[in-house]
Amino acid sequence: MPLAIVTVTGNADFSRSFIKTWPVDCYGNSTGKAQARMRKAGTKPYSFSWNTGKAKRTIKNIPAGVYTVEVIDSNGCWHSM
């Protein structure tokens, strides 16, 4: 089962951005991790909003599943992945 599915949408050039994932160590465990990686995108600092409700760049101790994040840069430009 994939840990993340990435769809690139938004109103700024975040085309080199992606979600780095670390899989769970065993089926049923919550040991996965996902991190938004911003590559030459928008203007720092960024704010993050994951579909889990977390608001940090990295979410940890997550089970296998589908995770999305919306990123907003300091100019208000946004990107969902």
C-alpha atoms as a PDB file:
ATOM      1  CA  MET A   1       0.000   0.000   0.000  1.00  0.00           C
ATOM      2  CA  PRO A   2       1.488   3.403  -0.914  1.00  0.00           C
ATOM      3  CA  LEU A   3       2.235   5.847   1.862  1.00  0.00           C
ATOM      4  CA  ALA A   4       1.548   8.959  -0.230  1.00  0.00           C
ATOM      5  CA  ILE A   5      -0.043   9.968  -3.525  1.00  0.00           C
ATOM      6  CA  VAL A   6       1.135  13.304  -4.895  1.00  0.00           C
ATOM      7  CA  THR A   7      -0.975  15.585  -7.095  1.00  0.00           C
ATOM      8  CA  VAL A   8       0.601  18.875  -8.129  1.00  0.00           C
ATOM      9  CA  THR A   9      -1.822  21.823  -8.086  1.00  0.00           C
ATOM     10  CA  GLY A  10      -1.578  25.434  -6.989  1.00  0.00           C
ATOM     11  CA  ASN A  11      -0.842  28.993  -8.053  1.00  0.00           C
ATOM     12  CA  ALA A  12       2.972  29.229  -7.839  1.00  0.00           C
ATOM     13  CA  ASP A  13       5.901  27.300  -9.311  1.00  0.00           C
ATOM     14  CA  PHE A  14       6.294  24.448  -6.848  1.00  0.00           C
ATOM     15  CA  SER A  15       7.014  21.925  -9.633  1.00  0.00           C
ATOM     16  CA  ARG A  16      10.173  20.603  -7.953  1.00  0.00           C
ATOM     17  CA  SER A  17       8.474  20.084  -4.585  1.00  0.00           C
ATOM     18  CA  PHE A  18       7.484  16.635  -3.360  1.00  0.00           C
ATOM     19  CA  ILE A  19       6.552  14.529  -0.329  1.00  0.00           C
ATOM     20  CA  LYS A  20       9.348  12.298   0.976  1.00  0.00           C
ATOM     21  CA  THR A  21       8.012   9.213   2.740  1.00  0.00           C
ATOM     22  CA  TRP A  22       9.325   6.595   5.125  1.00  0.00           C
ATOM     23  CA  PRO A  23       7.160   3.423   5.207  1.00  0.00           C
ATOM     24  CA  VAL A  24       5.801   1.707   8.291  1.00  0.00           C
ATOM     25  CA  ASP A  25       8.052  -1.041   9.652  1.00  0.00           C
ATOM     26  CA  CYS A  26       5.289  -3.658   9.816  1.00  0.00           C
ATOM     27  CA  TYR A  27       1.658  -3.874   8.665  1.00  0.00           C
ATOM     28  CA  GLY A  28      -0.678  -2.228  11.136  1.00  0.00           C
ATOM     29  CA  ASN A  29       1.984  -0.136  12.871  1.00  0.00           C
ATOM     30  CA  SER A  30       2.023   3.656  13.012  1.00  0.00           C
ATOM     31  CA  THR A  31       5.736   4.108  12.373  1.00  0.00           C
ATOM     32  CA  GLY A  32       5.619   5.909   9.016  1.00  0.00           C
ATOM     33  CA  LYS A  33       6.717   9.451   8.320  1.00  0.00           C
ATOM     34  CA  ALA A  34       6.015  12.004   5.565  1.00  0.00           C
ATOM     35  CA  GLN A  35       7.837  15.275   4.933  1.00  0.00           C
ATOM     36  CA  ALA A  36       7.058  18.123   2.528  1.00  0.00           C
ATOM     37  CA  ARG A  37      10.196  18.972   0.540  1.00  0.00           C
ATOM     38  CA  MET A  38      10.197  22.420  -1.028  1.00  0.00           C
ATOM     39  CA  ARG A  39      12.765  22.805  -3.842  1.00  0.00           C
ATOM     40  CA  LYS A  40      13.294  26.371  -5.085  1.00  0.00           C
ATOM     41  CA  ALA A  41       9.601  27.037  -4.606  1.00  0.00           C
ATOM     42  CA  GLY A  42       7.771  30.129  -3.495  1.00  0.00           C
ATOM     43  CA  THR A  43       9.116  32.392  -0.771  1.00  0.00           C
ATOM     44  CA  LYS A  44      10.119  31.190   2.697  1.00  0.00           C
ATOM     45  CA  PRO A  45       8.835  30.801   5.327  1.00  0.00           C
ATOM     46  CA  TYR A  46       6.132  28.263   4.512  1.00  0.00           C
ATOM     47  CA  SER A  47       3.126  27.122   6.482  1.00  0.00           C
ATOM     48  CA  PHE A  48       1.888  23.540   6.199  1.00  0.00           C
ATOM     49  CA  SER A  49      -1.532  21.946   6.614  1.00  0.00           C
ATOM     50  CA  TRP A  50      -1.752  18.136   6.345  1.00  0.00           C
ATOM     51  CA  ASN A  51      -4.972  16.179   5.881  1.00  0.00           C
ATOM     52  CA  THR A  52      -4.266  14.763   9.353  1.00  0.00           C
ATOM     53  CA  GLY A  53      -4.742  18.208  10.917  1.00  0.00           C
ATOM     54  CA  LYS A  54      -1.035  18.641  11.661  1.00  0.00           C
ATOM     55  CA  ALA A  55       0.623  21.945  10.737  1.00  0.00           C
ATOM     56  CA  LYS A  56       4.311  21.026  10.560  1.00  0.00           C
ATOM     57  CA  ARG A  57       6.649  20.210   7.667  1.00  0.00           C
ATOM     58  CA  THR A  58       6.976  16.596   8.849  1.00  0.00           C
ATOM     59  CA  ILE A  59       4.305  14.246  10.184  1.00  0.00           C
ATOM     60  CA  LYS A  60       5.515  11.241  12.185  1.00  0.00           C
ATOM     61  CA  ASN A  61       4.114   8.047  13.673  1.00  0.00           C
ATOM     62  CA  ILE A  62       1.509   7.645  10.936  1.00  0.00           C
ATOM     63  CA  PRO A  63      -0.007   4.405   9.640  1.00  0.00           C
ATOM     64  CA  ALA A  64       0.078   3.415   5.969  1.00  0.00           C
ATOM     65  CA  GLY A  65      -2.383   5.556   4.034  1.00  0.00           C
ATOM     66  CA  VAL A  66      -2.843   8.511   1.725  1.00  0.00           C
ATOM     67  CA  TYR A  67      -1.538  11.865   2.952  1.00  0.00           C
ATOM     68  CA  THR A  68      -1.822  15.302   1.391  1.00  0.00           C
ATOM     69  CA  VAL A  69      -0.410  18.653   2.415  1.00  0.00           C
ATOM     70  CA  GLU A  70      -1.231  22.231   1.465  1.00  0.00           C
ATOM     71  CA  VAL A  71       1.741  24.588   1.553  1.00  0.00           C
ATOM     72  CA  ILE A  72       1.399  28.384   1.675  1.00  0.00           C
ATOM     73  CA  ASP A  73       4.437  30.612   1.200  1.00  0.00           C
ATOM     74  CA  SER A  74       5.006  34.039   2.779  1.00  0.00           C
ATOM     75  CA  ASN A  75       3.384  35.728  -0.264  1.00  0.00           C
ATOM     76  CA  GLY A  76       0.173  33.720   0.101  1.00  0.00           C
ATOM     77  CA  CYS A  77       0.920  31.474  -2.887  1.00  0.00           C
ATOM     78  CA  TRP A  78      -0.288  27.935  -2.265  1.00  0.00           C
ATOM     79  CA  HIS A  79       0.461  24.428  -3.432  1.00  0.00           C
ATOM     80  CA  SER A  80      -1.260  21.128  -2.671  1.00  0.00           C
ATOM     81  CA  MET A  81       0.498  17.812  -2.925  1.00  0.00           C
END
